């Protein structure tokens, strides 16, 4: 379940809890630390778009959510790194860079963790792309809006 939760973090979490929903993906979540903690405790995931480059509130969300609950999302053509410009899935590389800086780890580690999270959240991706597995981190991200896979090989470190 993908829930657009922008400016509605607490009400969304309340509705999900009332309906016994676990493991939802919270898109564009901008709630505070208390709401994030509740979302994590309830088993939800949080997607991070390339707008994190310019949005301090998304950086705060990304720092407050444990890495094992983050996934990457392009949300193209919206939520790009430059306000007003058309976004593309390739900008997920910028998301990876920011997350690596914020969490003090390598871009490869962010790609690996967020890929595993996306595959855990969307296990049917294994059927769609049988070559994808938890060790094949050339799958950089699963873009939630259209379930379109972005494969990037050897560009993370270039």
N, C-alpha and C. Protein backbone atom coordinates (compact mmCIF):
# COMPACT_ATOMS: atom_id res chain seq x y z
N UNK A 1 0.84 -1.17 0.00
CA UNK A 1 0.00 0.00 0.00
C UNK A 1 0.89 1.23 0.00
N UNK A 2 0.71 2.10 -0.96
CA UNK A 2 1.46 3.35 -1.07
C UNK A 2 0.53 4.49 -0.68
N UNK A 3 0.91 5.23 0.37
CA UNK A 3 0.05 6.28 0.88
C UNK A 3 0.75 7.63 0.72
N UNK A 4 0.10 8.52 -0.03
CA UNK A 4 0.60 9.89 -0.15
C UNK A 4 0.25 10.60 1.15
N UNK A 5 1.26 10.86 1.97
CA UNK A 5 1.01 11.33 3.32
C UNK A 5 1.49 12.76 3.58
N UNK A 6 1.71 13.51 2.53
CA UNK A 6 2.20 14.89 2.67
C UNK A 6 1.21 15.73 3.47
N UNK A 7 1.73 16.39 4.48
CA UNK A 7 0.95 17.27 5.36
C UNK A 7 -0.19 16.54 6.07
N UNK A 8 -0.05 15.23 6.20
CA UNK A 8 -1.11 14.44 6.85
C UNK A 8 -0.54 13.28 7.64
N UNK A 9 0.68 13.42 8.13
CA UNK A 9 1.35 12.30 8.79
C UNK A 9 0.58 11.67 9.91
N UNK A 10 0.17 12.45 10.91
CA UNK A 10 -0.54 11.89 12.07
C UNK A 10 -1.88 11.28 11.68
N UNK A 11 -2.71 11.97 10.89
CA UNK A 11 -3.99 11.35 10.51
C UNK A 11 -3.81 10.07 9.70
N UNK A 12 -2.82 10.05 8.81
CA UNK A 12 -2.56 8.85 8.01
C UNK A 12 -2.18 7.69 8.92
N UNK A 13 -1.27 7.94 9.85
CA UNK A 13 -0.86 6.88 10.77
C UNK A 13 -2.03 6.38 11.60
N UNK A 14 -2.89 7.28 12.03
CA UNK A 14 -4.06 6.89 12.82
C UNK A 14 -4.99 5.99 12.00
N UNK A 15 -5.26 6.38 10.75
CA UNK A 15 -6.14 5.59 9.88
C UNK A 15 -5.54 4.22 9.60
N UNK A 16 -4.23 4.18 9.33
CA UNK A 16 -3.57 2.90 9.08
C UNK A 16 -3.66 1.99 10.30
N UNK A 17 -3.43 2.56 11.48
CA UNK A 17 -3.50 1.78 12.71
C UNK A 17 -4.92 1.27 12.96
N UNK A 18 -5.91 2.13 12.77
CA UNK A 18 -7.32 1.74 12.98
C UNK A 18 -7.74 0.60 12.05
N UNK A 19 -7.08 0.52 10.90
CA UNK A 19 -7.41 -0.52 9.92
C UNK A 19 -6.40 -1.67 9.91
N UNK A 20 -5.57 -1.73 10.95
CA UNK A 20 -4.58 -2.80 11.11
C UNK A 20 -3.65 -2.96 9.91
N UNK A 21 -3.29 -1.85 9.30
CA UNK A 21 -2.37 -1.88 8.16
C UNK A 21 -0.94 -1.80 8.68
N UNK A 22 -0.12 -2.73 8.24
CA UNK A 22 1.31 -2.70 8.54
C UNK A 22 2.07 -2.78 7.23
N UNK A 23 3.25 -2.22 7.21
CA UNK A 23 4.10 -2.32 6.04
C UNK A 23 3.68 -1.44 4.88
N UNK A 24 2.99 -0.35 5.16
CA UNK A 24 2.63 0.59 4.09
C UNK A 24 3.85 1.44 3.74
N UNK A 25 3.84 1.97 2.54
CA UNK A 25 4.88 2.90 2.12
C UNK A 25 4.33 4.31 2.26
N UNK A 26 4.99 5.12 3.05
CA UNK A 26 4.56 6.49 3.29
C UNK A 26 5.35 7.41 2.36
N UNK A 27 4.66 7.89 1.35
CA UNK A 27 5.23 8.75 0.32
C UNK A 27 5.07 10.20 0.73
N UNK A 28 6.12 10.99 0.55
CA UNK A 28 6.11 12.43 0.83
C UNK A 28 5.76 12.71 2.30
N UNK A 29 6.18 11.83 3.18
CA UNK A 29 5.89 11.98 4.60
C UNK A 29 6.69 13.15 5.14
N UNK A 30 6.03 14.03 5.88
CA UNK A 30 6.72 15.18 6.45
C UNK A 30 6.37 15.39 7.92
N UNK A 31 6.03 14.29 8.58
CA UNK A 31 5.72 14.35 10.01
C UNK A 31 6.98 14.50 10.84
N UNK A 32 6.79 14.81 12.09
CA UNK A 32 7.89 14.97 13.02
C UNK A 32 8.44 13.65 13.53
N UNK A 33 9.42 13.77 14.43
CA UNK A 33 10.11 12.58 14.96
C UNK A 33 9.15 11.63 15.67
N UNK A 34 8.20 12.16 16.41
CA UNK A 34 7.25 11.31 17.14
C UNK A 34 6.40 10.50 16.15
N UNK A 35 5.94 11.16 15.09
CA UNK A 35 5.14 10.47 14.07
C UNK A 35 5.98 9.44 13.33
N UNK A 36 7.22 9.79 13.04
CA UNK A 36 8.12 8.84 12.37
C UNK A 36 8.33 7.61 13.24
N UNK A 37 8.58 7.85 14.53
CA UNK A 37 8.77 6.73 15.45
C UNK A 37 7.55 5.82 15.45
N UNK A 38 6.37 6.41 15.46
CA UNK A 38 5.14 5.62 15.44
C UNK A 38 5.03 4.83 14.13
N UNK A 39 5.36 5.48 13.01
CA UNK A 39 5.32 4.80 11.72
C UNK A 39 6.27 3.62 11.66
N UNK A 40 7.46 3.79 12.21
CA UNK A 40 8.44 2.70 12.24
C UNK A 40 7.92 1.57 13.14
N UNK A 41 7.41 1.93 14.31
CA UNK A 41 6.87 0.91 15.23
C UNK A 41 5.71 0.13 14.60
N UNK A 42 4.95 0.81 13.74
CA UNK A 42 3.82 0.16 13.07
C UNK A 42 4.24 -0.61 11.82
N UNK A 43 5.55 -0.63 11.54
CA UNK A 43 6.06 -1.44 10.43
C UNK A 43 6.06 -0.78 9.07
N UNK A 44 5.92 0.53 9.02
CA UNK A 44 5.84 1.22 7.73
C UNK A 44 7.22 1.60 7.20
N UNK A 45 7.26 1.85 5.91
CA UNK A 45 8.46 2.30 5.21
C UNK A 45 8.24 3.75 4.76
N UNK A 46 9.34 4.44 4.51
CA UNK A 46 9.29 5.85 4.11
C UNK A 46 10.11 6.02 2.83
N UNK A 47 9.50 6.64 1.83
CA UNK A 47 10.23 6.85 0.58
C UNK A 47 10.86 8.24 0.56
N UNK A 48 12.02 8.31 -0.05
CA UNK A 48 12.77 9.55 -0.14
C UNK A 48 13.00 9.86 -1.62
N UNK A 49 12.60 11.05 -2.01
CA UNK A 49 12.73 11.50 -3.41
C UNK A 49 13.93 12.42 -3.57
N UNK A 50 14.31 12.72 -4.81
CA UNK A 50 15.44 13.61 -5.05
C UNK A 50 15.27 15.03 -4.50
N UNK A 51 14.07 15.41 -4.14
CA UNK A 51 13.86 16.73 -3.54
C UNK A 51 14.58 16.87 -2.21
N UNK A 52 15.10 15.77 -1.66
CA UNK A 52 15.86 15.84 -0.42
C UNK A 52 17.06 16.77 -0.57
N UNK A 53 17.54 16.93 -1.79
CA UNK A 53 18.68 17.81 -2.06
C UNK A 53 18.39 19.24 -1.60
N UNK A 54 17.14 19.67 -1.74
CA UNK A 54 16.78 21.07 -1.46
C UNK A 54 15.79 21.23 -0.31
N UNK A 55 15.39 20.15 0.31
CA UNK A 55 14.32 20.21 1.30
C UNK A 55 14.81 19.77 2.68
N UNK A 56 15.05 20.73 3.57
CA UNK A 56 15.54 20.38 4.91
C UNK A 56 14.60 19.46 5.69
N UNK A 57 13.29 19.57 5.47
CA UNK A 57 12.37 18.70 6.20
C UNK A 57 12.52 17.25 5.75
N UNK A 58 12.82 17.01 4.47
CA UNK A 58 13.06 15.64 4.00
C UNK A 58 14.38 15.10 4.54
N UNK A 59 15.36 15.98 4.71
CA UNK A 59 16.61 15.55 5.34
C UNK A 59 16.36 15.11 6.78
N UNK A 60 15.49 15.85 7.48
CA UNK A 60 15.15 15.49 8.85
C UNK A 60 14.43 14.14 8.90
N UNK A 61 13.51 13.93 7.97
CA UNK A 61 12.82 12.64 7.90
C UNK A 61 13.85 11.53 7.66
N UNK A 62 14.72 11.75 6.69
CA UNK A 62 15.71 10.72 6.33
C UNK A 62 16.65 10.41 7.50
N UNK A 63 16.95 11.40 8.31
CA UNK A 63 17.82 11.17 9.47
C UNK A 63 17.07 10.47 10.60
N UNK A 64 15.76 10.65 10.67
CA UNK A 64 14.96 10.09 11.76
C UNK A 64 14.49 8.67 11.49
N UNK A 65 14.47 8.27 10.24
CA UNK A 65 14.00 6.94 9.87
C UNK A 65 15.20 5.99 9.83
N UNK A 66 15.11 4.84 10.47
CA UNK A 66 16.21 3.87 10.37
C UNK A 66 16.42 3.45 8.91
N UNK A 67 17.66 3.20 8.56
CA UNK A 67 17.98 2.84 7.18
C UNK A 67 17.18 1.64 6.69
N UNK A 68 16.85 0.72 7.58
CA UNK A 68 16.12 -0.47 7.13
C UNK A 68 14.64 -0.18 6.85
N UNK A 69 14.23 1.08 6.93
CA UNK A 69 12.86 1.47 6.60
C UNK A 69 12.81 2.54 5.52
N UNK A 70 13.93 2.82 4.88
CA UNK A 70 13.98 3.81 3.80
C UNK A 70 13.98 3.13 2.44
N UNK A 71 13.24 3.69 1.50
CA UNK A 71 13.33 3.28 0.10
C UNK A 71 13.49 4.55 -0.74
N UNK A 72 14.01 4.36 -1.92
CA UNK A 72 14.19 5.47 -2.85
C UNK A 72 12.99 5.56 -3.77
N UNK A 73 12.67 6.77 -4.15
CA UNK A 73 11.54 6.99 -5.05
C UNK A 73 11.85 8.21 -5.92
N UNK A 74 11.66 8.08 -7.20
CA UNK A 74 11.91 9.24 -8.06
C UNK A 74 10.75 10.23 -8.01
N UNK A 75 9.53 9.75 -8.00
CA UNK A 75 8.31 10.56 -8.09
C UNK A 75 8.34 11.44 -9.34
N UNK A 76 9.11 11.03 -10.35
CA UNK A 76 9.19 11.79 -11.60
C UNK A 76 7.81 11.89 -12.24
N UNK A 77 7.50 13.01 -12.79
CA UNK A 77 8.37 14.16 -13.07
C UNK A 77 8.41 15.20 -11.95
N UNK A 78 7.79 14.92 -10.79
CA UNK A 78 7.77 15.88 -9.68
C UNK A 78 8.90 15.59 -8.70
N UNK A 79 9.02 16.44 -7.69
CA UNK A 79 9.94 16.30 -6.57
C UNK A 79 11.40 16.10 -6.97
N UNK A 80 11.84 16.86 -7.94
CA UNK A 80 13.23 16.79 -8.37
C UNK A 80 14.14 17.60 -7.48
N UNK A 81 15.45 17.49 -7.73
CA UNK A 81 16.41 18.21 -6.90
C UNK A 81 16.38 19.72 -7.11
N UNK A 82 15.89 20.15 -8.27
CA UNK A 82 15.79 21.58 -8.55
C UNK A 82 14.32 21.93 -8.74
N UNK A 83 13.81 22.77 -7.86
CA UNK A 83 12.39 23.13 -7.88
C UNK A 83 12.02 23.71 -9.25
N UNK A 84 10.94 23.19 -9.81
CA UNK A 84 10.44 23.70 -11.09
C UNK A 84 10.99 22.99 -12.31
N UNK A 85 12.04 22.19 -12.14
CA UNK A 85 12.59 21.44 -13.26
C UNK A 85 12.01 20.03 -13.26
N UNK A 86 11.88 19.46 -14.45
CA UNK A 86 11.37 18.10 -14.58
C UNK A 86 12.34 17.11 -13.96
N UNK A 87 11.82 16.26 -13.13
CA UNK A 87 12.60 15.24 -12.45
C UNK A 87 12.64 13.98 -13.31
N UNK A 88 13.71 13.20 -13.18
CA UNK A 88 13.83 11.91 -13.85
C UNK A 88 14.35 10.88 -12.84
N UNK A 89 14.13 9.59 -13.09
CA UNK A 89 14.66 8.56 -12.17
C UNK A 89 16.18 8.63 -11.98
N UNK A 90 16.90 9.16 -12.95
CA UNK A 90 18.35 9.26 -12.81
C UNK A 90 18.74 10.11 -11.61
N UNK A 91 17.87 11.01 -11.20
CA UNK A 91 18.16 11.86 -10.04
C UNK A 91 18.18 11.08 -8.73
N UNK A 92 17.80 9.81 -8.77
CA UNK A 92 17.92 8.99 -7.57
C UNK A 92 19.38 8.91 -7.10
N UNK A 93 20.31 9.08 -8.03
CA UNK A 93 21.72 9.10 -7.65
C UNK A 93 21.99 10.24 -6.67
N UNK A 94 21.32 11.37 -6.87
CA UNK A 94 21.48 12.50 -5.96
C UNK A 94 20.88 12.17 -4.59
N UNK A 95 19.78 11.45 -4.60
CA UNK A 95 19.17 11.02 -3.34
C UNK A 95 20.15 10.12 -2.58
N UNK A 96 20.75 9.19 -3.29
CA UNK A 96 21.73 8.28 -2.69
C UNK A 96 22.89 9.06 -2.09
N UNK A 97 23.38 10.05 -2.81
CA UNK A 97 24.50 10.86 -2.31
C UNK A 97 24.14 11.56 -1.01
N UNK A 98 22.97 12.19 -0.98
CA UNK A 98 22.55 12.90 0.23
C UNK A 98 22.38 11.93 1.40
N UNK A 99 21.73 10.79 1.15
CA UNK A 99 21.53 9.81 2.22
C UNK A 99 22.87 9.28 2.74
N UNK A 100 23.81 9.06 1.85
CA UNK A 100 25.13 8.58 2.27
C UNK A 100 25.80 9.63 3.17
N UNK A 101 25.72 10.89 2.79
CA UNK A 101 26.30 11.96 3.62
C UNK A 101 25.60 12.04 4.97
N UNK A 102 24.28 12.01 4.97
CA UNK A 102 23.52 12.13 6.21
C UNK A 102 23.77 10.98 7.17
N UNK A 103 23.91 9.77 6.63
CA UNK A 103 24.07 8.59 7.47
C UNK A 103 25.53 8.17 7.64
N UNK A 104 26.44 8.91 7.03
CA UNK A 104 27.86 8.62 7.22
C UNK A 104 28.29 7.27 6.70
N UNK A 105 27.75 6.87 5.56
CA UNK A 105 28.17 5.61 4.95
C UNK A 105 28.34 5.79 3.45
N UNK A 106 28.73 4.74 2.77
CA UNK A 106 29.00 4.83 1.34
C UNK A 106 27.71 4.84 0.53
N UNK A 107 27.82 5.35 -0.68
CA UNK A 107 26.68 5.33 -1.62
C UNK A 107 26.31 3.89 -1.94
N UNK A 108 27.30 3.03 -2.06
CA UNK A 108 27.02 1.61 -2.32
C UNK A 108 26.18 0.99 -1.20
N UNK A 109 26.49 1.35 0.04
CA UNK A 109 25.74 0.81 1.18
C UNK A 109 24.29 1.30 1.15
N UNK A 110 24.08 2.57 0.84
CA UNK A 110 22.72 3.11 0.73
C UNK A 110 21.97 2.39 -0.38
N UNK A 111 22.62 2.21 -1.54
CA UNK A 111 21.98 1.51 -2.66
C UNK A 111 21.61 0.09 -2.26
N UNK A 112 22.52 -0.59 -1.57
CA UNK A 112 22.26 -1.97 -1.15
C UNK A 112 21.08 -2.04 -0.17
N UNK A 113 21.11 -1.19 0.84
CA UNK A 113 20.05 -1.23 1.86
C UNK A 113 18.70 -0.86 1.28
N UNK A 114 18.64 0.22 0.51
CA UNK A 114 17.34 0.65 -0.03
C UNK A 114 16.81 -0.33 -1.07
N UNK A 115 17.71 -1.00 -1.78
CA UNK A 115 17.28 -2.04 -2.71
C UNK A 115 16.66 -3.20 -1.95
N UNK A 116 17.33 -3.66 -0.90
CA UNK A 116 16.79 -4.74 -0.08
C UNK A 116 15.44 -4.35 0.51
N UNK A 117 15.33 -3.11 0.96
CA UNK A 117 14.06 -2.64 1.52
C UNK A 117 12.95 -2.67 0.48
N UNK A 118 13.25 -2.20 -0.72
CA UNK A 118 12.25 -2.19 -1.79
C UNK A 118 11.81 -3.61 -2.13
N UNK A 119 12.75 -4.53 -2.15
CA UNK A 119 12.42 -5.92 -2.46
C UNK A 119 11.63 -6.58 -1.32
N UNK A 120 11.91 -6.17 -0.10
CA UNK A 120 11.15 -6.69 1.04
C UNK A 120 9.72 -6.13 1.01
N UNK A 121 9.60 -4.87 0.64
CA UNK A 121 8.30 -4.21 0.58
C UNK A 121 7.49 -4.68 -0.61
N UNK A 122 8.15 -4.95 -1.73
CA UNK A 122 7.49 -5.37 -2.96
C UNK A 122 8.08 -6.70 -3.43
N UNK A 123 7.78 -7.80 -2.74
CA UNK A 123 8.41 -9.08 -3.07
C UNK A 123 8.08 -9.59 -4.47
N UNK A 124 7.00 -9.13 -5.06
CA UNK A 124 6.66 -9.57 -6.41
C UNK A 124 7.67 -9.07 -7.44
N UNK A 125 8.52 -8.12 -7.06
CA UNK A 125 9.57 -7.66 -7.98
C UNK A 125 10.49 -8.80 -8.36
N UNK A 126 10.67 -9.78 -7.47
CA UNK A 126 11.48 -10.94 -7.80
C UNK A 126 10.90 -11.68 -9.00
N UNK A 127 9.57 -11.72 -9.08
CA UNK A 127 8.92 -12.39 -10.20
C UNK A 127 9.01 -11.56 -11.47
N UNK A 128 8.93 -10.25 -11.34
CA UNK A 128 9.00 -9.36 -12.49
C UNK A 128 10.41 -9.35 -13.07
N UNK A 129 11.39 -9.29 -12.20
CA UNK A 129 12.79 -9.26 -12.59
C UNK A 129 13.52 -10.38 -11.85
N UNK A 130 13.44 -11.62 -12.35
CA UNK A 130 14.02 -12.74 -11.62
C UNK A 130 15.51 -12.61 -11.35
N UNK A 131 16.22 -11.82 -12.13
CA UNK A 131 17.66 -11.67 -11.91
C UNK A 131 17.97 -10.80 -10.71
N UNK A 132 16.96 -10.12 -10.19
CA UNK A 132 17.17 -9.24 -9.04
C UNK A 132 17.16 -10.08 -7.77
N UNK A 133 18.17 -9.90 -6.95
CA UNK A 133 18.17 -10.54 -5.64
C UNK A 133 18.84 -9.61 -4.64
N UNK A 134 18.88 -10.02 -3.42
CA UNK A 134 19.42 -9.14 -2.38
C UNK A 134 20.90 -8.84 -2.58
N UNK A 135 21.57 -9.56 -3.43
CA UNK A 135 22.99 -9.33 -3.64
C UNK A 135 23.27 -8.62 -4.94
N UNK A 136 22.24 -8.35 -5.71
CA UNK A 136 22.39 -7.69 -7.00
C UNK A 136 22.03 -6.22 -6.85
N UNK A 137 22.95 -5.44 -6.38
CA UNK A 137 22.64 -4.06 -6.06
C UNK A 137 22.85 -3.12 -7.24
N UNK A 138 22.90 -3.67 -8.47
CA UNK A 138 22.81 -2.78 -9.61
C UNK A 138 21.37 -2.29 -9.75
N UNK A 139 20.44 -2.96 -9.07
CA UNK A 139 19.08 -2.42 -8.95
C UNK A 139 19.18 -1.33 -7.90
N UNK A 140 19.18 -0.11 -8.33
CA UNK A 140 19.37 0.98 -7.39
C UNK A 140 18.09 1.29 -6.65
N UNK A 141 16.98 1.22 -7.33
CA UNK A 141 15.76 1.60 -6.64
C UNK A 141 14.55 1.14 -7.41
N UNK A 142 13.46 1.07 -6.71
CA UNK A 142 12.16 0.78 -7.31
C UNK A 142 11.36 2.05 -7.16
N UNK A 143 10.95 2.62 -8.29
CA UNK A 143 10.21 3.87 -8.19
C UNK A 143 8.75 3.54 -7.98
N UNK A 144 8.25 3.99 -6.87
CA UNK A 144 6.96 3.56 -6.38
C UNK A 144 5.81 3.96 -7.29
N UNK A 145 5.87 5.11 -7.89
CA UNK A 145 4.72 5.61 -8.64
C UNK A 145 4.31 4.71 -9.79
N UNK A 146 5.27 4.17 -10.50
CA UNK A 146 4.91 3.36 -11.67
C UNK A 146 5.59 2.00 -11.66
N UNK A 147 6.13 1.60 -10.53
CA UNK A 147 6.82 0.31 -10.40
C UNK A 147 7.80 0.11 -11.56
N UNK A 148 8.50 1.16 -11.89
CA UNK A 148 9.47 1.14 -12.96
C UNK A 148 10.85 0.97 -12.34
N UNK A 149 11.59 -0.02 -12.77
CA UNK A 149 12.89 -0.27 -12.17
C UNK A 149 13.98 0.54 -12.86
N UNK A 150 14.85 1.09 -12.06
CA UNK A 150 15.98 1.84 -12.57
C UNK A 150 17.25 1.05 -12.28
N UNK A 151 17.92 0.63 -13.33
CA UNK A 151 19.17 -0.09 -13.18
C UNK A 151 20.32 0.85 -13.49
N UNK A 152 21.22 0.93 -12.58
CA UNK A 152 22.40 1.79 -12.79
C UNK A 152 23.61 0.94 -12.46
N UNK A 153 24.46 0.77 -13.44
CA UNK A 153 25.64 -0.06 -13.24
C UNK A 153 26.89 0.81 -13.20
N UNK A 154 27.65 0.64 -12.18
CA UNK A 154 28.94 1.30 -12.02
C UNK A 154 28.88 2.82 -12.12
N UNK A 155 27.73 3.43 -11.86
CA UNK A 155 27.67 4.89 -11.90
C UNK A 155 27.69 5.48 -10.50
N UNK A 156 27.48 4.67 -9.51
CA UNK A 156 27.46 5.19 -8.15
C UNK A 156 28.80 5.78 -7.77
N UNK A 157 29.87 5.12 -8.15
CA UNK A 157 31.20 5.59 -7.76
C UNK A 157 31.90 6.40 -8.84
N UNK A 158 31.23 6.66 -9.96
CA UNK A 158 31.93 7.41 -11.01
C UNK A 158 31.69 8.89 -10.89
